[in-house]
C-alpha atoms as a PDB file:
ATOM      1  CA  MET A   1       1.127   7.105   0.602  1.00  0.00           C
ATOM      2  CA  ASN A   2       1.089   3.826   2.449  1.00  0.00           C
ATOM      3  CA  GLU A   3       1.076   2.160   5.839  1.00  0.00           C
ATOM      4  CA  SER A   4      -2.539   3.070   6.457  1.00  0.00           C
ATOM      5  CA  CYS A   5      -2.304   5.989   4.075  1.00  0.00           C
ATOM      6  CA  LYS A   6       1.139   6.825   5.356  1.00  0.00           C
ATOM      7  CA  THR A   7       0.057   5.649   8.809  1.00  0.00           C
ATOM      8  CA  MET A   8      -2.391   8.475   8.689  1.00  0.00           C
ATOM      9  CA  VAL A   9       0.548  10.689   7.976  1.00  0.00           C
ATOM     10  CA  ARG A  10       1.813  13.624  10.014  1.00  0.00           C
ATOM     11  CA  LEU A  11      -1.356  14.494  11.793  1.00  0.00           C
ATOM     12  CA  GLU A  12      -1.205  17.844  13.504  1.00  0.00           C
ATOM     13  CA  SER A  13      -1.925  16.765  17.054  1.00  0.00           C
ATOM     14  CA  ARG A  14      -1.678  13.696  19.252  1.00  0.00           C
ATOM     15  CA  ALA A  15      -5.438  13.670  19.606  1.00  0.00           C
ATOM     16  CA  ASP A  16      -5.854  13.626  15.830  1.00  0.00           C
ATOM     17  CA  HIS A  17      -3.235  10.896  15.534  1.00  0.00           C
ATOM     18  CA  ALA A  18      -4.975   8.708  18.100  1.00  0.00           C
ATOM     19  CA  ALA A  19      -8.346   9.198  16.421  1.00  0.00           C
ATOM     20  CA  ALA A  20      -6.893   8.441  13.000  1.00  0.00           C
ATOM     21  CA  THR A  21      -5.152   5.284  14.192  1.00  0.00           C
ATOM     22  CA  LYS A  22      -8.340   4.052  15.808  1.00  0.00           C
ATOM     23  CA  SER A  23     -10.362   4.791  12.670  1.00  0.00           C
ATOM     24  CA  SER A  24      -7.814   3.006  10.496  1.00  0.00           C
ATOM     25  CA  LEU A  25      -7.858  -0.119  12.631  1.00  0.00           C
ATOM     26  CA  GLU A  26     -11.636  -0.148  12.707  1.00  0.00           C
ATOM     27  CA  TYR A  27     -11.754   0.296   8.934  1.00  0.00           C
ATOM     28  CA  GLN A  28      -9.391  -2.618   8.325  1.00  0.00           C
ATOM     29  CA  ARG A  29     -11.302  -4.838  10.742  1.00  0.00           C
ATOM     30  CA  ARG A  30     -14.840  -4.106   9.608  1.00  0.00           C
ATOM     31  CA  GLY A  31     -14.468  -2.504   6.198  1.00  0.00           C
ATOM     32  CA  GLU A  32     -16.035   0.756   7.317  1.00  0.00           C
ATOM     33  CA  SER A  33     -15.648   3.931   5.288  1.00  0.00           C
ATOM     34  CA  ILE A  34     -13.093   6.491   6.388  1.00  0.00           C
ATOM     35  CA  SER A  35     -14.717   9.831   6.980  1.00  0.00           C
ATOM     36  CA  HIS A  36     -13.753  12.986   5.121  1.00  0.00           C
ATOM     37  CA  ASN A  37     -12.550  14.433   8.427  1.00  0.00           C
ATOM     38  CA  LEU A  38      -9.973  11.659   8.628  1.00  0.00           C
ATOM     39  CA  LEU A  39      -9.023  11.995   4.978  1.00  0.00           C
ATOM     40  CA  SER A  40      -8.479  15.709   5.488  1.00  0.00           C
ATOM     41  CA  ALA A  41      -6.003  14.919   8.232  1.00  0.00           C
ATOM     42  CA  ILE A  42      -3.889  12.902   5.795  1.00  0.00           C
ATOM     43  CA  VAL A  43      -1.211  14.885   3.994  1.00  0.00           C
ATOM     44  CA  GLY A  44      -2.530  15.922   0.614  1.00  0.00           C
ATOM     45  CA  ALA A  45      -6.020  14.509   1.051  1.00  0.00           C
ATOM     46  CA  GLY A  46      -8.648  17.164   0.599  1.00  0.00           C
ATOM     47  CA  GLN A  47      -6.067  19.930   0.747  1.00  0.00           C
ATOM     48  CA  GLY A  48      -7.333  21.608  -2.421  1.00  0.00           C
ATOM     49  CA  LEU A  49     -10.409  23.245  -0.924  1.00  0.00           C
ATOM     50  CA  GLU A  50      -8.637  23.923   2.348  1.00  0.00           C
ATOM     51  CA  THR A  51      -5.467  25.579   1.027  1.00  0.00           C
ATOM     52  CA  GLY A  52      -6.680  27.065  -2.239  1.00  0.00           C
ATOM     53  CA  PHE A  53      -4.130  25.054  -4.230  1.00  0.00           C
ATOM     54  CA  MET A  54      -6.239  22.919  -6.544  1.00  0.00           C
ATOM     55  CA  ARG A  55      -4.428  20.568  -8.882  1.00  0.00           C
ATOM     56  CA  LEU A  56      -7.484  19.982 -11.084  1.00  0.00           C
ATOM     57  CA  SER A  57      -8.857  23.512 -11.095  1.00  0.00           C
ATOM     58  CA  GLY A  58     -10.889  24.223 -14.220  1.00  0.00           C
ATOM     59  CA  LYS A  59     -11.032  20.584 -15.262  1.00  0.00           C
ATOM     60  CA  VAL A  60     -14.059  18.321 -15.714  1.00  0.00           C
ATOM     61  CA  ALA A  61     -13.749  14.665 -14.705  1.00  0.00           C
ATOM     62  CA  VAL A  62     -16.045  11.761 -15.514  1.00  0.00           C
ATOM     63  CA  VAL A  63     -15.704   8.949 -12.972  1.00  0.00           C
ATOM     64  CA  THR A  64     -17.530   5.696 -13.653  1.00  0.00           C
ATOM     65  CA  GLY A  65     -18.479   3.238 -10.935  1.00  0.00           C
ATOM     66  CA  ALA A  66     -18.336   6.185  -8.562  1.00  0.00           C
ATOM     67  CA  ALA A  67     -21.249   5.455  -6.240  1.00  0.00           C
ATOM     68  CA  VAL A  68     -19.183   3.472  -3.725  1.00  0.00           C
ATOM     69  CA  GLY A  69     -15.680   2.201  -3.030  1.00  0.00           C
ATOM     70  CA  LEU A  70     -12.637   3.325  -4.993  1.00  0.00           C
ATOM     71  CA  GLY A  71     -14.614   5.267  -7.570  1.00  0.00           C
ATOM     72  CA  ARG A  72     -16.391   7.289  -4.931  1.00  0.00           C
ATOM     73  CA  ALA A  73     -13.126   8.086  -3.156  1.00  0.00           C
ATOM     74  CA  VAL A  74     -11.513   9.268  -6.388  1.00  0.00           C
ATOM     75  CA  ALA A  75     -14.555  11.324  -7.401  1.00  0.00           C
ATOM     76  CA  GLY A  76     -14.486  13.064  -4.027  1.00  0.00           C
ATOM     77  CA  ARG A  77     -10.747  13.741  -4.250  1.00  0.00           C
ATOM     78  CA  TYR A  78     -11.062  15.158  -7.760  1.00  0.00           C
ATOM     79  CA  ALA A  79     -13.800  17.496  -6.539  1.00  0.00           C
ATOM     80  CA  ARG A  80     -11.706  18.629  -3.575  1.00  0.00           C
ATOM     81  CA  GLU A  81      -8.901  19.390  -6.016  1.00  0.00           C
ATOM     82  CA  GLY A  82     -11.118  21.723  -8.040  1.00  0.00           C
ATOM     83  CA  ALA A  83     -12.591  19.508 -10.755  1.00  0.00           C
ATOM     84  CA  ALA A  84     -16.252  19.471 -11.661  1.00  0.00           C
ATOM     85  CA  VAL A  85     -17.154  15.784 -11.395  1.00  0.00           C
ATOM     86  CA  VAL A  86     -19.656  13.669 -13.284  1.00  0.00           C
ATOM     87  CA  VAL A  87     -20.466  10.678 -11.092  1.00  0.00           C
ATOM     88  CA  ALA A  88     -21.662   7.750 -13.201  1.00  0.00           C
ATOM     89  CA  ASP A  89     -23.050   4.482 -11.881  1.00  0.00           C
ATOM     90  CA  THR A  90     -25.982   2.077 -12.081  1.00  0.00           C
ATOM     91  CA  ASN A  91     -26.391   2.518  -8.311  1.00  0.00           C
ATOM     92  CA  VAL A  92     -28.675   5.541  -8.303  1.00  0.00           C
ATOM     93  CA  SER A  93     -29.183   5.940  -4.548  1.00  0.00           C
ATOM     94  CA  ASP A  94     -25.503   5.818  -3.544  1.00  0.00           C
ATOM     95  CA  GLY A  95     -24.534   7.842  -6.608  1.00  0.00           C
ATOM     96  CA  ALA A  96     -26.867  10.633  -5.561  1.00  0.00           C
ATOM     97  CA  VAL A  97     -25.389  10.560  -2.055  1.00  0.00           C
ATOM     98  CA  ALA A  98     -21.874  10.802  -3.498  1.00  0.00           C
ATOM     99  CA  VAL A  99     -22.795  13.948  -5.421  1.00  0.00           C
ATOM    100  CA  GLU A 100     -24.581  15.389  -2.398  1.00  0.00           C
ATOM    101  CA  GLN A 101     -21.372  14.935  -0.390  1.00  0.00           C
ATOM    102  CA  ILE A 102     -19.296  16.619  -3.101  1.00  0.00           C
ATOM    103  CA  ARG A 103     -21.619  19.624  -3.105  1.00  0.00           C
ATOM    104  CA  LYS A 104     -21.739  19.729   0.677  1.00  0.00           C
ATOM    105  CA  GLU A 105     -17.955  20.061   0.711  1.00  0.00           C
ATOM    106  CA  GLY A 106     -18.109  22.975  -1.714  1.00  0.00           C
ATOM    107  CA  GLY A 107     -17.454  21.071  -4.925  1.00  0.00           C
ATOM    108  CA  ARG A 108     -19.358  20.796  -8.180  1.00  0.00           C
ATOM    109  CA  GLY A 109     -20.857  17.569  -9.419  1.00  0.00           C
ATOM    110  CA  ILE A 110     -23.767  15.823 -11.096  1.00  0.00           C
ATOM    111  CA  PHE A 111     -24.939  12.233 -11.104  1.00  0.00           C
ATOM    112  CA  VAL A 112     -25.814  10.340 -14.275  1.00  0.00           C
ATOM    113  CA  GLY A 113     -27.240   6.835 -14.032  1.00  0.00           C
ATOM    114  CA  ALA A 114     -25.493   4.763 -16.671  1.00  0.00           C
ATOM    115  CA  ASP A 115     -24.566   1.195 -17.542  1.00  0.00           C
ATOM    116  CA  VAL A 116     -21.172   1.692 -19.195  1.00  0.00           C
ATOM    117  CA  GLY A 117     -21.601  -1.511 -21.165  1.00  0.00           C
ATOM    118  CA  LYS A 118     -24.503   0.013 -23.118  1.00  0.00           C
ATOM    119  CA  GLU A 119     -23.595   2.510 -25.811  1.00  0.00           C
ATOM    120  CA  CYS A 120     -26.885   4.375 -25.498  1.00  0.00           C
ATOM    121  CA  ASP A 121     -26.193   4.961 -21.791  1.00  0.00           C
ATOM    122  CA  VAL A 122     -22.629   6.065 -22.440  1.00  0.00           C
ATOM    123  CA  GLY A 123     -23.751   8.466 -25.149  1.00  0.00           C
ATOM    124  CA  ARG A 124     -26.279   9.949 -22.746  1.00  0.00           C
ATOM    125  CA  LEU A 125     -23.599  10.187 -20.028  1.00  0.00           C
ATOM    126  CA  PHE A 126     -21.273  12.290 -22.142  1.00  0.00           C
ATOM    127  CA  GLU A 127     -24.116  14.327 -23.552  1.00  0.00           C
ATOM    128  CA  ALA A 128     -25.005  15.249 -19.966  1.00  0.00           C
ATOM    129  CA  ALA A 129     -21.364  16.047 -19.144  1.00  0.00           C
ATOM    130  CA  GLY A 130     -21.109  18.319 -22.160  1.00  0.00           C
ATOM    131  CA  ALA A 131     -24.419  20.026 -21.489  1.00  0.00           C
ATOM    132  CA  GLU A 132     -23.589  20.711 -17.837  1.00  0.00           C
ATOM    133  CA  PHE A 133     -19.892  21.557 -17.985  1.00  0.00           C
ATOM    134  CA  GLY A 134     -19.005  21.975 -21.674  1.00  0.00           C
ATOM    135  CA  ARG A 135     -15.882  19.804 -21.667  1.00  0.00           C
ATOM    136  CA  VAL A 136     -14.284  16.561 -20.463  1.00  0.00           C
ATOM    137  CA  ASP A 137     -10.649  16.669 -19.315  1.00  0.00           C
ATOM    138  CA  VAL A 138     -10.369  13.495 -17.283  1.00  0.00           C
ATOM    139  CA  LEU A 139     -11.977  10.075 -17.688  1.00  0.00           C
ATOM    140  CA  TYR A 140     -11.549   7.617 -14.830  1.00  0.00           C
ATOM    141  CA  ASN A 141     -12.746   4.219 -16.110  1.00  0.00           C
ATOM    142  CA  ASN A 142     -13.479   2.447 -12.850  1.00  0.00           C
ATOM    143  CA  ALA A 143     -16.822   0.677 -13.404  1.00  0.00           C
ATOM    144  CA  ALA A 144     -16.576  -3.117 -13.333  1.00  0.00           C
ATOM    145  CA  VAL A 145     -18.402  -6.247 -12.255  1.00  0.00           C
ATOM    146  CA  LEU A 146     -17.010  -9.287 -10.476  1.00  0.00           C
ATOM    147  CA  LEU A 147     -19.427 -12.232 -10.564  1.00  0.00           C
ATOM    148  CA  TYR A 148     -18.094 -14.366  -7.745  1.00  0.00           C
ATOM    149  CA  GLY A 149     -19.381 -17.935  -7.880  1.00  0.00           C
ATOM    150  CA  ARG A 150     -20.416 -17.593 -11.519  1.00  0.00           C
ATOM    151  CA  ASP A 151     -17.065 -16.536 -12.962  1.00  0.00           C
ATOM    152  CA  VAL A 152     -15.198 -19.849 -12.857  1.00  0.00           C
ATOM    153  CA  ARG A 153     -12.565 -21.868 -14.730  1.00  0.00           C
ATOM    154  CA  ALA A 154     -12.767 -21.701 -18.515  1.00  0.00           C
ATOM    155  CA  HIS A 155     -14.396 -25.067 -19.227  1.00  0.00           C
ATOM    156  CA  GLU A 156     -17.112 -24.354 -16.641  1.00  0.00           C
ATOM    157  CA  LEU A 157     -17.763 -20.745 -17.612  1.00  0.00           C
ATOM    158  CA  SER A 158     -21.021 -19.834 -19.330  1.00  0.00           C
ATOM    159  CA  MET A 159     -21.062 -17.521 -22.329  1.00  0.00           C
ATOM    160  CA  GLU A 160     -23.620 -15.403 -20.472  1.00  0.00           C
ATOM    161  CA  VAL A 161     -21.186 -14.607 -17.667  1.00  0.00           C
ATOM    162  CA  TRP A 162     -18.244 -14.191 -20.048  1.00  0.00           C
ATOM    163  CA  GLU A 163     -20.153 -11.715 -22.202  1.00  0.00           C
ATOM    164  CA  GLN A 164     -21.549  -9.754 -19.250  1.00  0.00           C
ATOM    165  CA  VAL A 165     -18.133  -9.270 -17.672  1.00  0.00           C
ATOM    166  CA  MET A 166     -16.508  -8.329 -20.974  1.00  0.00           C
ATOM    167  CA  ARG A 167     -19.344  -5.970 -21.848  1.00  0.00           C
ATOM    168  CA  VAL A 168     -18.988  -3.968 -18.633  1.00  0.00           C
ATOM    169  CA  ASN A 169     -15.306  -4.257 -17.707  1.00  0.00           C
ATOM    170  CA  LEU A 170     -13.626  -3.984 -21.098  1.00  0.00           C
ATOM    171  CA  GLY A 171     -16.446  -2.776 -23.306  1.00  0.00           C
ATOM    172  CA  GLY A 172     -17.333  -0.067 -20.805  1.00  0.00           C
ATOM    173  CA  ALA A 173     -13.796   1.331 -20.754  1.00  0.00           C
ATOM    174  CA  PHE A 174     -13.735   1.296 -24.553  1.00  0.00           C
ATOM    175  CA  LEU A 175     -17.128   2.978 -24.942  1.00  0.00           C
ATOM    176  CA  CYS A 176     -16.446   5.692 -22.378  1.00  0.00           C
ATOM    177  CA  SER A 177     -13.091   6.399 -24.018  1.00  0.00           C
ATOM    178  CA  LYS A 178     -14.742   6.477 -27.441  1.00  0.00           C
ATOM    179  CA  TYR A 179     -17.137   9.196 -26.282  1.00  0.00           C
ATOM    180  CA  ALA A 180     -14.636  11.123 -24.140  1.00  0.00           C
ATOM    181  CA  ILE A 181     -11.915  11.369 -26.774  1.00  0.00           C
ATOM    182  CA  PRO A 182     -13.793  13.757 -29.128  1.00  0.00           C
ATOM    183  CA  PHE A 183     -14.013  16.275 -26.250  1.00  0.00           C
ATOM    184  CA  MET A 184     -10.302  15.887 -25.585  1.00  0.00           C
ATOM    185  CA  LEU A 185      -9.349  16.205 -29.243  1.00  0.00           C
ATOM    186  CA  LYS A 186     -11.304  19.431 -29.473  1.00  0.00           C
ATOM    187  CA  GLN A 187      -9.687  20.770 -26.287  1.00  0.00           C
ATOM    188  CA  GLY A 188      -6.173  19.740 -27.273  1.00  0.00           C
ATOM    189  CA  GLY A 189      -5.633  17.051 -24.663  1.00  0.00           C
ATOM    190  CA  GLY A 190      -6.856  15.114 -21.663  1.00  0.00           C
ATOM    191  CA  SER A 191      -6.200  12.155 -19.385  1.00  0.00           C
ATOM    192  CA  ILE A 192      -7.801   8.717 -19.448  1.00  0.00           C
ATOM    193  CA  ILE A 193      -7.181   6.405 -16.510  1.00  0.00           C
ATOM    194  CA  ASN A 194      -8.250   2.781 -16.821  1.00  0.00           C
ATOM    195  CA  VAL A 195      -8.516   0.816 -13.590  1.00  0.00           C
ATOM    196  CA  GLY A 196      -6.855  -2.579 -13.910  1.00  0.00           C
ATOM    197  CA  SER A 197      -6.200  -5.454 -11.531  1.00  0.00           C
ATOM    198  CA  PRO A 198      -3.318  -7.744 -10.579  1.00  0.00           C
ATOM    199  CA  THR A 199      -5.517 -10.564 -11.918  1.00  0.00           C
ATOM    200  CA  GLY A 200      -4.831  -9.223 -15.409  1.00  0.00           C
ATOM    201  CA  LEU A 201      -1.069  -9.358 -14.893  1.00  0.00           C
ATOM    202  CA  ASN A 202      -0.705 -12.940 -13.691  1.00  0.00           C
ATOM    203  CA  GLY A 203      -2.710 -16.053 -12.864  1.00  0.00           C
ATOM    204  CA  CYS A 204      -3.407 -15.062  -9.256  1.00  0.00           C
ATOM    205  CA  ALA A 205      -7.188 -15.604  -9.611  1.00  0.00           C
ATOM    206  CA  PRO A 206      -7.617 -18.851 -11.585  1.00  0.00           C
ATOM    207  CA  ASP A 207     -11.292 -19.083 -10.650  1.00  0.00           C
ATOM    208  CA  LEU A 208     -12.049 -15.648 -12.136  1.00  0.00           C
ATOM    209  CA  THR A 209     -11.504 -16.356 -15.814  1.00  0.00           C
ATOM    210  CA  ALA A 210     -13.683 -13.628 -17.304  1.00  0.00           C
ATOM    211  CA  TYR A 211     -12.718 -10.931 -14.799  1.00  0.00           C
ATOM    212  CA  SER A 212      -8.995 -11.629 -15.112  1.00  0.00           C
ATOM    213  CA  THR A 213      -9.166 -11.657 -18.907  1.00  0.00           C
ATOM    214  CA  SER A 214     -11.141  -8.416 -18.968  1.00  0.00           C
ATOM    215  CA  LYS A 215      -8.472  -6.734 -16.870  1.00  0.00           C
ATOM    216  CA  ALA A 216      -5.704  -8.047 -19.106  1.00  0.00           C
ATOM    217  CA  GLY A 217      -7.656  -6.485 -21.953  1.00  0.00           C
ATOM    218  CA  ILE A 218      -7.668  -3.180 -20.066  1.00  0.00           C
ATOM    219  CA  PHE A 219      -3.880  -3.104 -20.237  1.00  0.00           C
ATOM    220  CA  GLY A 220      -3.932  -3.735 -23.978  1.00  0.00           C
ATOM    221  CA  LEU A 221      -6.544  -1.038 -24.509  1.00  0.00           C
ATOM    222  CA  THR A 222      -4.515   1.378 -22.383  1.00  0.00           C
ATOM    223  CA  ARG A 223      -1.363   0.932 -24.398  1.00  0.00           C
ATOM    224  CA  VAL A 224      -2.887   0.968 -27.869  1.00  0.00           C
ATOM    225  CA  MET A 225      -4.827   4.164 -27.084  1.00  0.00           C
ATOM    226  CA  ALA A 226      -1.755   5.734 -25.477  1.00  0.00           C
ATOM    227  CA  ALA A 227       0.162   5.216 -28.706  1.00  0.00           C
ATOM    228  CA  ALA A 228      -2.730   6.305 -30.901  1.00  0.00           C
ATOM    229  CA  TYR A 229      -3.395   9.622 -29.151  1.00  0.00           C
ATOM    230  CA  ALA A 230      -0.032  10.682 -27.736  1.00  0.00           C
ATOM    231  CA  ARG A 231       0.471  13.330 -30.447  1.00  0.00           C
ATOM    232  CA  ASP A 232      -2.999  14.675 -29.665  1.00  0.00           C
ATOM    233  CA  GLY A 233      -2.072  15.439 -26.069  1.00  0.00           C
ATOM    234  CA  ILE A 234      -4.267  12.668 -24.700  1.00  0.00           C
ATOM    235  CA  ARG A 235      -2.559  10.555 -22.054  1.00  0.00           C
ATOM    236  CA  VAL A 236      -3.814   7.045 -21.294  1.00  0.00           C
ATOM    237  CA  ASN A 237      -2.613   5.122 -18.253  1.00  0.00           C
ATOM    238  CA  SER A 238      -3.750   2.260 -16.056  1.00  0.00           C
ATOM    239  CA  LEU A 239      -3.992   2.313 -12.270  1.00  0.00           C
ATOM    240  CA  ILE A 240      -3.795  -1.153 -10.712  1.00  0.00           C
ATOM    241  CA  PRO A 241      -5.172  -1.451  -7.173  1.00  0.00           C
ATOM    242  CA  GLY A 242      -4.290  -4.501  -5.109  1.00  0.00           C
ATOM    243  CA  THR A 243      -6.591  -6.246  -2.659  1.00  0.00           C
ATOM    244  CA  MET A 244      -8.795  -3.382  -1.556  1.00  0.00           C
ATOM    245  CA  ASP A 245     -11.235  -3.300   1.341  1.00  0.00           C
ATOM    246  CA  THR A 246     -14.248  -2.264  -0.732  1.00  0.00           C
ATOM    247  CA  PRO A 247     -17.786  -3.501  -1.421  1.00  0.00           C
ATOM    248  CA  MET A 248     -16.621  -5.334  -4.568  1.00  0.00           C
ATOM    249  CA  ASN A 249     -14.403  -7.599  -2.454  1.00  0.00           C
ATOM    250  CA  GLU A 250     -16.898  -8.104   0.335  1.00  0.00           C
ATOM    251  CA  TYR A 251     -17.672 -11.596  -0.992  1.00  0.00           C
ATOM    252  CA  ALA A 252     -14.224 -12.690   0.205  1.00  0.00           C
ATOM    253  CA  LEU A 253     -13.283 -10.229   2.918  1.00  0.00           C
ATOM    254  CA  SER A 254     -16.448 -10.714   4.970  1.00  0.00           C
ATOM    255  CA  ASN A 255     -14.974 -14.041   6.052  1.00  0.00           C
ATOM    256  CA  GLU A 256     -12.388 -13.282   8.744  1.00  0.00           C
ATOM    257  CA  GLU A 257     -10.201 -16.274   7.924  1.00  0.00           C
ATOM    258  CA  THR A 258     -10.125 -15.434   4.229  1.00  0.00           C
ATOM    259  CA  ARG A 259      -9.569 -11.777   5.047  1.00  0.00           C
ATOM    260  CA  GLU A 260      -6.509 -12.674   7.090  1.00  0.00           C
ATOM    261  CA  GLU A 261      -5.119 -14.807   4.260  1.00  0.00           C
ATOM    262  CA  TYR A 262      -5.438 -11.894   1.833  1.00  0.00           C
ATOM    263  CA  ARG A 263      -3.825  -9.542   4.336  1.00  0.00           C
ATOM    264  CA  LYS A 264      -0.851 -11.838   4.891  1.00  0.00           C
ATOM    265  CA  ALA A 265      -0.308 -12.128   1.131  1.00  0.00           C
ATOM    266  CA  VAL A 266       0.414  -8.392   0.910  1.00  0.00           C
ATOM    267  CA  PRO A 267       4.092  -7.558   1.641  1.00  0.00           C
ATOM    268  CA  MET A 268       3.070  -4.370   3.452  1.00  0.00           C
ATOM    269  CA  GLY A 269       0.895  -6.453   5.755  1.00  0.00           C
ATOM    270  CA  ARG A 270      -2.461  -4.766   5.267  1.00  0.00           C
ATOM    271  CA  LEU A 271      -5.321  -4.480   2.814  1.00  0.00           C
ATOM    272  CA  GLY A 272      -5.698  -1.376   0.705  1.00  0.00           C
ATOM    273  CA  MET A 273      -8.257   1.313   1.459  1.00  0.00           C
ATOM    274  CA  PRO A 274     -10.025   3.722  -0.909  1.00  0.00           C
ATOM    275  CA  CYS A 275      -7.840   6.615   0.232  1.00  0.00           C
ATOM    276  CA  ASP A 276      -4.756   4.693  -0.877  1.00  0.00           C
ATOM    277  CA  VAL A 277      -5.540   5.144  -4.579  1.00  0.00           C
ATOM    278  CA  GLU A 278      -6.513   8.823  -4.434  1.00  0.00           C
ATOM    279  CA  GLY A 279      -3.025  10.282  -4.694  1.00  0.00           C
ATOM    280  CA  LEU A 280      -2.032   8.210  -7.712  1.00  0.00           C
ATOM    281  CA  ALA A 281      -5.392   8.819  -9.399  1.00  0.00           C
ATOM    282  CA  LEU A 282      -4.927  12.539  -8.812  1.00  0.00           C
ATOM    283  CA  PHE A 283      -1.385  12.567 -10.160  1.00  0.00           C
ATOM    284  CA  LEU A 284      -2.351  10.765 -13.363  1.00  0.00           C
ATOM    285  CA  ALA A 285      -5.277  13.134 -13.894  1.00  0.00           C
ATOM    286  CA  SER A 286      -3.211  16.260 -13.274  1.00  0.00           C
ATOM    287  CA  ASP A 287      -0.814  18.190 -15.489  1.00  0.00           C
ATOM    288  CA  GLU A 288       2.011  16.931 -13.282  1.00  0.00           C
ATOM    289  CA  ALA A 289       1.799  13.667 -15.236  1.00  0.00           C
ATOM    290  CA  SER A 290       2.137  15.429 -18.591  1.00  0.00           C
ATOM    291  CA  TYR A 291       4.945  13.102 -19.740  1.00  0.00           C
ATOM    292  CA  CYS A 292       3.295   9.908 -18.517  1.00  0.00           C
ATOM    293  CA  THR A 293       1.343   7.798 -20.975  1.00  0.00           C
ATOM    294  CA  GLY A 294       0.946   4.077 -21.629  1.00  0.00           C
ATOM    295  CA  GLY A 295       1.997   3.253 -18.090  1.00  0.00           C
ATOM    296  CA  LEU A 296       0.723   0.563 -15.741  1.00  0.00           C
ATOM    297  CA  TYR A 297       0.887   1.963 -12.194  1.00  0.00           C
ATOM    298  CA  THR A 298       0.415  -0.388  -9.256  1.00  0.00           C
ATOM    299  CA  CYS A 299      -1.013   0.613  -5.906  1.00  0.00           C
ATOM    300  CA  ASP A 300      -1.030  -2.773  -4.209  1.00  0.00           C
ATOM    301  CA  GLY A 301       1.195  -2.788  -1.151  1.00  0.00           C
ATOM    302  CA  GLY A 302       3.784  -4.808  -3.074  1.00  0.00           C
ATOM    303  CA  LEU A 303       1.370  -7.629  -3.971  1.00  0.00           C
ATOM    304  CA  THR A 304       2.587  -8.002  -7.548  1.00  0.00           C
ATOM    305  CA  VAL A 305       6.294  -8.088  -6.733  1.00  0.00           C
ATOM    306  CA  VAL A 306       6.156 -11.428  -4.899  1.00  0.00           C
END
């Protein structure tokens, strides 16, 4: 999906189309969240609970960094497609709201407060997932930190910032995978999706040394685990969002001039929204992607091709 999630694709009535277009424009201008009512109007979004066809039925998904932004959107989509979802985040208040919304829409979910960079927290996270749902089929490694203003060029970068970013962004993906894989081995398979960034593919963010390096590490981790566990039925892929209109990027996008510069840099002419990544995240988690492993999948409006 693209062009404002397929220009708010094939809405059933003119009234719905007008409302969707207005909501999309407002979202892009002010960074507001798109409501579930709007998402449900998009082809494929939320259709699981509404049509009875659930692509993740019977599966359990752990989504880290799921209190807000992309992680929250993916957690909600997984739930609407039939998965029981474990929402993990350090943001307790928004995490609880995310689970409340999942349950309100008829889904199943629990919240576990966890810092993915701490092994004791990750162990507790997967212990809770196992105790509540008995299995883990999907791991969506989304949790990350971006320390704008402190993450700088290499010779100016403190070890404190370097270690914090690596601990959460790369160490967190490793630790969550380490604890998820035993479930998947026992079950005979599963899907791990590591969220990357264009900054890990090229030098597009020279002032974000630690963040960019951590995301490059994500790609290495993705591929080595894909090779290591392919014969065990465990698929490992990386989803690479472009410039997304989310709380993590608020430091830059809150400035209208900077926001416009980022928008113009995207070949499709707009910033990404949380709903843009849902379809790809769903595909990679589902059995439809059974022959896909070790892949780096961009969802960036063409940002990395120019």
